[in-house]
Amino acid sequence: MKGIIGKKIGMTSIFDPNGKQIACTIVEAGPCVVSQVKTADVDGYNALQLAYGEKKEKNATKSEKNHFAKAQTAPKSFVKEFRDCTLEKALGEQVTVDIFAEGEKVDVVGTTKGKGFQGVVKRHGFHGVGEQSHGQHDRQRAPGSIGNSSDASRVFKGMRMAGRMGGDRVKMKGLQVVKIFPEKNYILISGSVPGHNGSIVLIQK
């Protein structure tokens, strides 16, 4: 497994050699610093800890400063472990976007946009109760019945109802690397990637 931490920039589209338009997400991937190398002998498992994003010295705790000092780097904002990483990197080395190749399939992990408290129409795609009749109003987006009265005498778990929507950790699998710009640390990935512009995403294979 190999991976890198990046920041979602936005979306664009490019044309392939056949003239087909491909919607892509631009991710600024790295450069990341190897802040710790974990081994099975010492830590019980093999992993590569990567750090990304500059952090002000005054905002870092003393333990964070000492941790990153071992890698001879400034404190970073985001830290992520990649277990059983196939990259041969030593402590303090950089991981850049060139670990991936164009045409390669990758998985992207991100946090979806938070929508707040939403009703059943937006959250679950309900059609609502229907047209209003005499004595009824504002029923178009109502959830309707949520169960029987006397038989179950309760609402079953998992009932689709209104509630908090979004803000979930989501992994998009099998996305293709369309193009790489090593000089800008940009990677173009086909399709959409979870999260708002400027959010942190993980690209792994």
C-alpha atoms as a PDB file:
ATOM      1  CA  MET A   1       0.000   0.000   0.000  1.00  0.00           C
ATOM      2  CA  LYS A   2       1.186   3.507  -0.830  1.00  0.00           C
ATOM      3  CA  GLY A   3      -0.477   6.818  -0.119  1.00  0.00           C
ATOM      4  CA  ILE A   4      -0.194  10.561   0.246  1.00  0.00           C
ATOM      5  CA  ILE A   5      -2.068  13.386   1.986  1.00  0.00           C
ATOM      6  CA  GLY A   6      -3.484  16.166  -0.152  1.00  0.00           C
ATOM      7  CA  LYS A   7      -5.839  19.136  -0.307  1.00  0.00           C
ATOM      8  CA  LYS A   8      -8.815  19.328  -2.637  1.00  0.00           C
ATOM      9  CA  ILE A   9      -8.501  22.374  -4.893  1.00  0.00           C
ATOM     10  CA  GLY A  10     -11.605  22.095  -7.055  1.00  0.00           C
ATOM     11  CA  MET A  11     -12.915  20.536 -10.251  1.00  0.00           C
ATOM     12  CA  THR A  12     -12.126  20.953 -13.911  1.00  0.00           C
ATOM     13  CA  SER A  13     -12.356  18.942 -17.117  1.00  0.00           C
ATOM     14  CA  ILE A  14      -9.830  17.873 -19.726  1.00  0.00           C
ATOM     15  CA  PHE A  15     -10.014  16.132 -23.089  1.00  0.00           C
ATOM     16  CA  ASP A  16      -8.427  12.747 -23.724  1.00  0.00           C
ATOM     17  CA  PRO A  17      -6.663  11.925 -27.032  1.00  0.00           C
ATOM     18  CA  ASN A  18      -9.970  10.670 -28.466  1.00  0.00           C
ATOM     19  CA  GLY A  19     -11.644  14.018 -27.792  1.00  0.00           C
ATOM     20  CA  LYS A  20     -13.764  12.772 -24.904  1.00  0.00           C
ATOM     21  CA  GLN A  21     -14.294  15.252 -22.065  1.00  0.00           C
ATOM     22  CA  ILE A  22     -13.384  13.913 -18.610  1.00  0.00           C
ATOM     23  CA  ALA A  23     -14.517  15.609 -15.396  1.00  0.00           C
ATOM     24  CA  CYS A  24     -11.608  15.706 -12.927  1.00  0.00           C
ATOM     25  CA  THR A  25     -10.896  16.787  -9.378  1.00  0.00           C
ATOM     26  CA  ILE A  26      -7.676  18.711  -8.744  1.00  0.00           C
ATOM     27  CA  VAL A  27      -5.820  17.647  -5.597  1.00  0.00           C
ATOM     28  CA  GLU A  28      -2.671  19.277  -4.307  1.00  0.00           C
ATOM     29  CA  ALA A  29      -0.947  16.125  -3.067  1.00  0.00           C
ATOM     30  CA  GLY A  30       2.059  16.692  -0.835  1.00  0.00           C
ATOM     31  CA  PRO A  31       4.862  17.173  -0.490  1.00  0.00           C
ATOM     32  CA  CYS A  32       4.567  15.112   2.686  1.00  0.00           C
ATOM     33  CA  VAL A  33       7.318  14.413   5.195  1.00  0.00           C
ATOM     34  CA  VAL A  34       7.939  10.996   6.733  1.00  0.00           C
ATOM     35  CA  SER A  35       7.544  11.882  10.415  1.00  0.00           C
ATOM     36  CA  GLN A  36       7.821   8.317  11.754  1.00  0.00           C
ATOM     37  CA  VAL A  37       8.653   4.850  10.496  1.00  0.00           C
ATOM     38  CA  LYS A  38       6.899   2.117  12.481  1.00  0.00           C
ATOM     39  CA  THR A  39       8.128  -1.480  12.428  1.00  0.00           C
ATOM     40  CA  ALA A  40       6.674  -4.763  13.625  1.00  0.00           C
ATOM     41  CA  ASP A  41       9.571  -5.296  16.041  1.00  0.00           C
ATOM     42  CA  VAL A  42       9.111  -2.012  17.890  1.00  0.00           C
ATOM     43  CA  ASP A  43       5.475  -1.016  17.317  1.00  0.00           C
ATOM     44  CA  GLY A  44       3.818  -4.320  16.499  1.00  0.00           C
ATOM     45  CA  TYR A  45       2.996  -3.392  12.897  1.00  0.00           C
ATOM     46  CA  ASN A  46       4.603  -1.812   9.860  1.00  0.00           C
ATOM     47  CA  ALA A  47       3.490   1.674   8.881  1.00  0.00           C
ATOM     48  CA  LEU A  48       4.731   4.925   7.414  1.00  0.00           C
ATOM     49  CA  GLN A  49       3.556   8.106   9.148  1.00  0.00           C
ATOM     50  CA  LEU A  50       3.242  11.084   6.820  1.00  0.00           C
ATOM     51  CA  ALA A  51       2.782  14.730   7.808  1.00  0.00           C
ATOM     52  CA  TYR A  52       1.332  17.488   5.623  1.00  0.00           C
ATOM     53  CA  GLY A  53       0.531  21.201   5.899  1.00  0.00           C
ATOM     54  CA  GLU A  54       2.507  23.912   7.617  1.00  0.00           C
ATOM     55  CA  LYS A  55       1.715  24.744  11.231  1.00  0.00           C
ATOM     56  CA  LYS A  56       2.843  27.785  13.176  1.00  0.00           C
ATOM     57  CA  GLU A  57       5.452  27.089  15.816  1.00  0.00           C
ATOM     58  CA  LYS A  58       3.427  28.893  18.487  1.00  0.00           C
ATOM     59  CA  ASN A  59       0.400  26.646  17.833  1.00  0.00           C
ATOM     60  CA  ALA A  60       2.323  23.389  18.240  1.00  0.00           C
ATOM     61  CA  THR A  61       2.616  21.616  21.564  1.00  0.00           C
ATOM     62  CA  LYS A  62       5.978  20.696  23.026  1.00  0.00           C
ATOM     63  CA  SER A  63       5.454  17.007  22.277  1.00  0.00           C
ATOM     64  CA  GLU A  64       4.613  17.821  18.649  1.00  0.00           C
ATOM     65  CA  LYS A  65       7.754  19.931  18.289  1.00  0.00           C
ATOM     66  CA  ASN A  66       9.914  17.133  19.680  1.00  0.00           C
ATOM     67  CA  HIS A  67       8.190  14.556  17.479  1.00  0.00           C
ATOM     68  CA  PHE A  68       8.810  16.516  14.275  1.00  0.00           C
ATOM     69  CA  ALA A  69      12.309  17.519  15.401  1.00  0.00           C
ATOM     70  CA  LYS A  70      13.330  13.858  15.084  1.00  0.00           C
ATOM     71  CA  ALA A  71      12.444  14.101  11.398  1.00  0.00           C
ATOM     72  CA  GLN A  72      14.242  17.481  11.178  1.00  0.00           C
ATOM     73  CA  THR A  73      11.155  19.282   9.972  1.00  0.00           C
ATOM     74  CA  ALA A  74       8.821  22.017  11.175  1.00  0.00           C
ATOM     75  CA  PRO A  75       5.515  21.097  12.884  1.00  0.00           C
ATOM     76  CA  LYS A  76       2.795  19.955  10.499  1.00  0.00           C
ATOM     77  CA  SER A  77      -0.989  20.244  10.656  1.00  0.00           C
ATOM     78  CA  PHE A  78      -2.095  16.809   9.468  1.00  0.00           C
ATOM     79  CA  VAL A  79      -0.601  13.410  10.278  1.00  0.00           C
ATOM     80  CA  LYS A  80      -1.709  10.072   8.826  1.00  0.00           C
ATOM     81  CA  GLU A  81      -0.387   6.532   9.005  1.00  0.00           C
ATOM     82  CA  PHE A  82      -0.333   4.233   5.987  1.00  0.00           C
ATOM     83  CA  ARG A  83      -0.068   0.632   7.138  1.00  0.00           C
ATOM     84  CA  ASP A  84       2.066  -1.881   5.257  1.00  0.00           C
ATOM     85  CA  CYS A  85       3.341   0.928   3.060  1.00  0.00           C
ATOM     86  CA  THR A  86       5.410  -0.265   0.106  1.00  0.00           C
ATOM     87  CA  LEU A  87       7.353   3.002  -0.177  1.00  0.00           C
ATOM     88  CA  GLU A  88      11.011   2.703   0.788  1.00  0.00           C
ATOM     89  CA  LYS A  89      11.358   5.988   2.642  1.00  0.00           C
ATOM     90  CA  ALA A  90      13.496   6.924   5.629  1.00  0.00           C
ATOM     91  CA  LEU A  91      12.699   9.302   8.471  1.00  0.00           C
ATOM     92  CA  GLY A  92      12.623  12.915   7.264  1.00  0.00           C
ATOM     93  CA  GLU A  93      12.346  12.091   3.564  1.00  0.00           C
ATOM     94  CA  GLN A  94       9.696  13.666   1.361  1.00  0.00           C
ATOM     95  CA  VAL A  95       6.857  11.887  -0.425  1.00  0.00           C
ATOM     96  CA  THR A  96       5.669  13.654  -3.550  1.00  0.00           C
ATOM     97  CA  VAL A  97       2.941  13.137  -6.097  1.00  0.00           C
ATOM     98  CA  ASP A  98       5.243  11.226  -8.453  1.00  0.00           C
ATOM     99  CA  ILE A  99       4.657   8.005  -6.468  1.00  0.00           C
ATOM    100  CA  PHE A 100       1.566   7.626  -8.686  1.00  0.00           C
ATOM    101  CA  ALA A 101       1.448   7.224 -12.444  1.00  0.00           C
ATOM    102  CA  GLU A 102      -1.060   8.420 -15.000  1.00  0.00           C
ATOM    103  CA  GLY A 103      -3.706   5.801 -15.706  1.00  0.00           C
ATOM    104  CA  GLU A 104      -3.321   4.196 -12.274  1.00  0.00           C
ATOM    105  CA  LYS A 105      -6.376   3.325 -10.167  1.00  0.00           C
ATOM    106  CA  VAL A 106      -6.485   4.850  -6.670  1.00  0.00           C
ATOM    107  CA  ASP A 107      -8.831   5.149  -3.680  1.00  0.00           C
ATOM    108  CA  VAL A 108      -9.611   8.581  -2.240  1.00  0.00           C
ATOM    109  CA  VAL A 109     -10.798   9.087   1.349  1.00  0.00           C
ATOM    110  CA  GLY A 110     -12.437  12.327   2.445  1.00  0.00           C
ATOM    111  CA  THR A 111     -15.125  13.844   4.647  1.00  0.00           C
ATOM    112  CA  THR A 112     -18.327  14.822   2.865  1.00  0.00           C
ATOM    113  CA  LYS A 113     -19.850  18.272   3.125  1.00  0.00           C
ATOM    114  CA  GLY A 114     -21.974  18.796   6.225  1.00  0.00           C
ATOM    115  CA  LYS A 115     -25.610  19.617   5.404  1.00  0.00           C
ATOM    116  CA  GLY A 116     -26.889  20.095   8.936  1.00  0.00           C
ATOM    117  CA  PHE A 117     -30.303  18.832  10.084  1.00  0.00           C
ATOM    118  CA  GLN A 118     -32.290  17.836   6.999  1.00  0.00           C
ATOM    119  CA  GLY A 119     -35.709  16.347   6.324  1.00  0.00           C
ATOM    120  CA  VAL A 120     -36.536  13.024   4.709  1.00  0.00           C
ATOM    121  CA  VAL A 121     -36.956  14.434   1.201  1.00  0.00           C
ATOM    122  CA  LYS A 122     -33.410  15.783   1.008  1.00  0.00           C
ATOM    123  CA  ARG A 123     -31.790  13.165   3.235  1.00  0.00           C
ATOM    124  CA  HIS A 124     -33.378   9.974   1.871  1.00  0.00           C
ATOM    125  CA  GLY A 125     -35.074  11.027  -1.358  1.00  0.00           C
ATOM    126  CA  PHE A 126     -38.660  10.639  -0.099  1.00  0.00           C
ATOM    127  CA  HIS A 127     -41.438  12.069  -2.287  1.00  0.00           C
ATOM    128  CA  GLY A 128     -43.446  13.433   0.622  1.00  0.00           C
ATOM    129  CA  VAL A 129     -47.042  12.630   1.516  1.00  0.00           C
ATOM    130  CA  GLY A 130     -48.437  14.387  -1.554  1.00  0.00           C
ATOM    131  CA  GLU A 131     -50.892  17.143  -2.353  1.00  0.00           C
ATOM    132  CA  GLN A 132     -52.538  18.991   0.494  1.00  0.00           C
ATOM    133  CA  SER A 133     -56.248  18.501   1.059  1.00  0.00           C
ATOM    134  CA  HIS A 134     -58.878  20.289   3.127  1.00  0.00           C
ATOM    135  CA  GLY A 135     -57.589  20.863   6.608  1.00  0.00           C
ATOM    136  CA  GLN A 136     -53.997  19.959   5.692  1.00  0.00           C
ATOM    137  CA  HIS A 137     -51.116  22.252   4.906  1.00  0.00           C
ATOM    138  CA  ASP A 138     -47.364  21.914   4.407  1.00  0.00           C
ATOM    139  CA  ARG A 139     -47.652  18.146   3.848  1.00  0.00           C
ATOM    140  CA  GLN A 140     -45.617  17.983   0.644  1.00  0.00           C
ATOM    141  CA  ARG A 141     -42.348  17.183   2.414  1.00  0.00           C
ATOM    142  CA  ALA A 142     -43.734  15.290   5.430  1.00  0.00           C
ATOM    143  CA  PRO A 143     -42.327  11.804   6.236  1.00  0.00           C
ATOM    144  CA  GLY A 144     -45.722  10.136   6.689  1.00  0.00           C
ATOM    145  CA  SER A 145     -46.274   7.067   8.870  1.00  0.00           C
ATOM    146  CA  ILE A 146     -43.315   5.611  10.763  1.00  0.00           C
ATOM    147  CA  GLY A 147     -44.935   2.335  11.893  1.00  0.00           C
ATOM    148  CA  ASN A 148     -47.979   0.570  13.312  1.00  0.00           C
ATOM    149  CA  SER A 149     -49.682   1.658  16.500  1.00  0.00           C
ATOM    150  CA  SER A 150     -50.580  -1.325  18.665  1.00  0.00           C
ATOM    151  CA  ASP A 151     -48.727  -4.219  17.050  1.00  0.00           C
ATOM    152  CA  ALA A 152     -45.121  -3.153  17.326  1.00  0.00           C
ATOM    153  CA  SER A 153     -45.827  -0.259  19.715  1.00  0.00           C
ATOM    154  CA  ARG A 154     -42.410   1.140  18.895  1.00  0.00           C
ATOM    155  CA  VAL A 155     -40.353   2.498  16.045  1.00  0.00           C
ATOM    156  CA  PHE A 156     -37.910  -0.024  14.589  1.00  0.00           C
ATOM    157  CA  LYS A 157     -34.210   0.756  14.543  1.00  0.00           C
ATOM    158  CA  GLY A 158     -32.909   2.068  11.248  1.00  0.00           C
ATOM    159  CA  MET A 159     -36.123   3.882  10.346  1.00  0.00           C
ATOM    160  CA  ARG A 160     -35.261   6.551   7.797  1.00  0.00           C
ATOM    161  CA  MET A 161     -36.194   9.861   9.364  1.00  0.00           C
ATOM    162  CA  ALA A 162     -34.977  13.447   9.500  1.00  0.00           C
ATOM    163  CA  GLY A 163     -31.595  14.081  11.078  1.00  0.00           C
ATOM    164  CA  ARG A 164     -28.030  15.216  10.610  1.00  0.00           C
ATOM    165  CA  MET A 165     -26.795  14.790   7.060  1.00  0.00           C
ATOM    166  CA  GLY A 166     -23.259  14.823   5.699  1.00  0.00           C
ATOM    167  CA  GLY A 167     -19.962  15.056   7.524  1.00  0.00           C
ATOM    168  CA  ASP A 168     -19.281  11.347   6.937  1.00  0.00           C
ATOM    169  CA  ARG A 169     -15.952   9.701   6.145  1.00  0.00           C
ATOM    170  CA  VAL A 170     -16.276   8.283   2.629  1.00  0.00           C
ATOM    171  CA  LYS A 171     -13.908   6.251   0.463  1.00  0.00           C
ATOM    172  CA  MET A 172     -14.243   6.507  -3.317  1.00  0.00           C
ATOM    173  CA  LYS A 173     -12.746   3.392  -4.887  1.00  0.00           C
ATOM    174  CA  GLY A 174     -11.284   2.778  -8.308  1.00  0.00           C
ATOM    175  CA  LEU A 175     -10.791   6.385  -9.428  1.00  0.00           C
ATOM    176  CA  GLN A 176      -8.315   6.914 -12.233  1.00  0.00           C
ATOM    177  CA  VAL A 177      -5.291   9.195 -12.185  1.00  0.00           C
ATOM    178  CA  VAL A 178      -5.816  11.271 -15.331  1.00  0.00           C
ATOM    179  CA  LYS A 179      -2.844  13.623 -15.205  1.00  0.00           C
ATOM    180  CA  ILE A 180       0.004  14.605 -12.888  1.00  0.00           C
ATOM    181  CA  PHE A 181       1.779  17.965 -12.619  1.00  0.00           C
ATOM    182  CA  PRO A 182       4.917  17.253 -10.516  1.00  0.00           C
ATOM    183  CA  GLU A 183       6.116  20.868 -10.582  1.00  0.00           C
ATOM    184  CA  LYS A 184       2.895  22.038  -8.889  1.00  0.00           C
ATOM    185  CA  ASN A 185       2.245  18.854  -6.857  1.00  0.00           C
ATOM    186  CA  TYR A 186      -1.115  18.583  -8.616  1.00  0.00           C
ATOM    187  CA  ILE A 187      -2.862  15.319  -9.416  1.00  0.00           C
ATOM    188  CA  LEU A 188      -6.025  15.154 -11.522  1.00  0.00           C
ATOM    189  CA  ILE A 189      -8.378  12.352 -10.525  1.00  0.00           C
ATOM    190  CA  SER A 190     -11.378  11.316 -12.594  1.00  0.00           C
ATOM    191  CA  GLY A 191     -14.804  12.044 -11.154  1.00  0.00           C
ATOM    192  CA  SER A 192     -15.731  13.693  -7.893  1.00  0.00           C
ATOM    193  CA  VAL A 193     -13.974  13.455  -4.547  1.00  0.00           C
ATOM    194  CA  PRO A 194     -15.784  13.851  -1.185  1.00  0.00           C
ATOM    195  CA  GLY A 195     -15.342  17.114   0.693  1.00  0.00           C
ATOM    196  CA  HIS A 196     -15.420  20.842   0.114  1.00  0.00           C
ATOM    197  CA  ASN A 197     -12.699  22.797  -1.651  1.00  0.00           C
ATOM    198  CA  GLY A 198      -9.730  23.082   0.695  1.00  0.00           C
ATOM    199  CA  SER A 199     -10.563  19.903   2.634  1.00  0.00           C
ATOM    200  CA  ILE A 200      -7.965  17.240   3.380  1.00  0.00           C
ATOM    201  CA  VAL A 201      -8.137  13.989   1.402  1.00  0.00           C
ATOM    202  CA  LEU A 202      -6.087  10.790   1.416  1.00  0.00           C
ATOM    203  CA  ILE A 203      -5.019   9.202  -1.861  1.00  0.00           C
ATOM    204  CA  GLN A 204      -3.974   5.578  -1.527  1.00  0.00           C
ATOM    205  CA  LYS A 205      -3.488   2.435  -3.547  1.00  0.00           C
END
